[in-house]
Amino acid sequence: MDGPASRPKFVLGIVFPGASRWPPQIVIRYACMIATGELQLGPLRLRAPTSWKFTPLGGMILARTDARLGTMQITLAFASNVARGADHAACLVQLRQFMQEPTEQEIYVEKSDQADAVFGHVTVHNASLFRRYWYRFKENGLILALYQCKADQFAAARTEIDEAGTIAATLELCAPK
């Protein structure tokens, strides 16, 4: 009787017997601020260093480290706004809607190709804030993310920025557990 069916379900490090019966939003509410390695929040799956904590909040997922230099926001609000087979240009159109940055901001765009996804980021850095936005598109949808910190924290936040980029590169939509 020690097979997979008899084991309790683990959701972000908390044991929920019979968790598969519960709607994902209930499981998420109870799973706030738990450090993880690989986790699934409703339809979103990601991998992150264990120093990061994730908190679902409305239509966003907020994340930060204990250092609290900056914050990361992840949204699924644009998940179905691009057609199957979308390229970087289609993803950037949606990302710019999410960004809502003034046009006079200096913006740097970097595109990357992953074997199974379209991935890239846009950086906006001015005298008061550093912001990096990511997009990741796989056939099942587009996920957007933002990391931001105060401009004077930029040097100290370099590790967090790199880790946020690593997290963004793993974002994917999947069926809720």
Foldseek 3Di string as FASTA:
>chain_A
DPDPVPDFDAALNDTDRVCVVDQLVVSLQVNFFRFDQWHDRAQKTWGAHSQKTWHDDVQWIKIDGPVPQKIKIKGQPCWPVDAAPDAPVSQVVVQCVVVVDDPVFDKDKDWDDDPFWTKIWIWTDDQFKTKIKMWIDGRRTIMIMMIMGTNVCCVVCVVVVVRVRNRNVGIDGDHGD
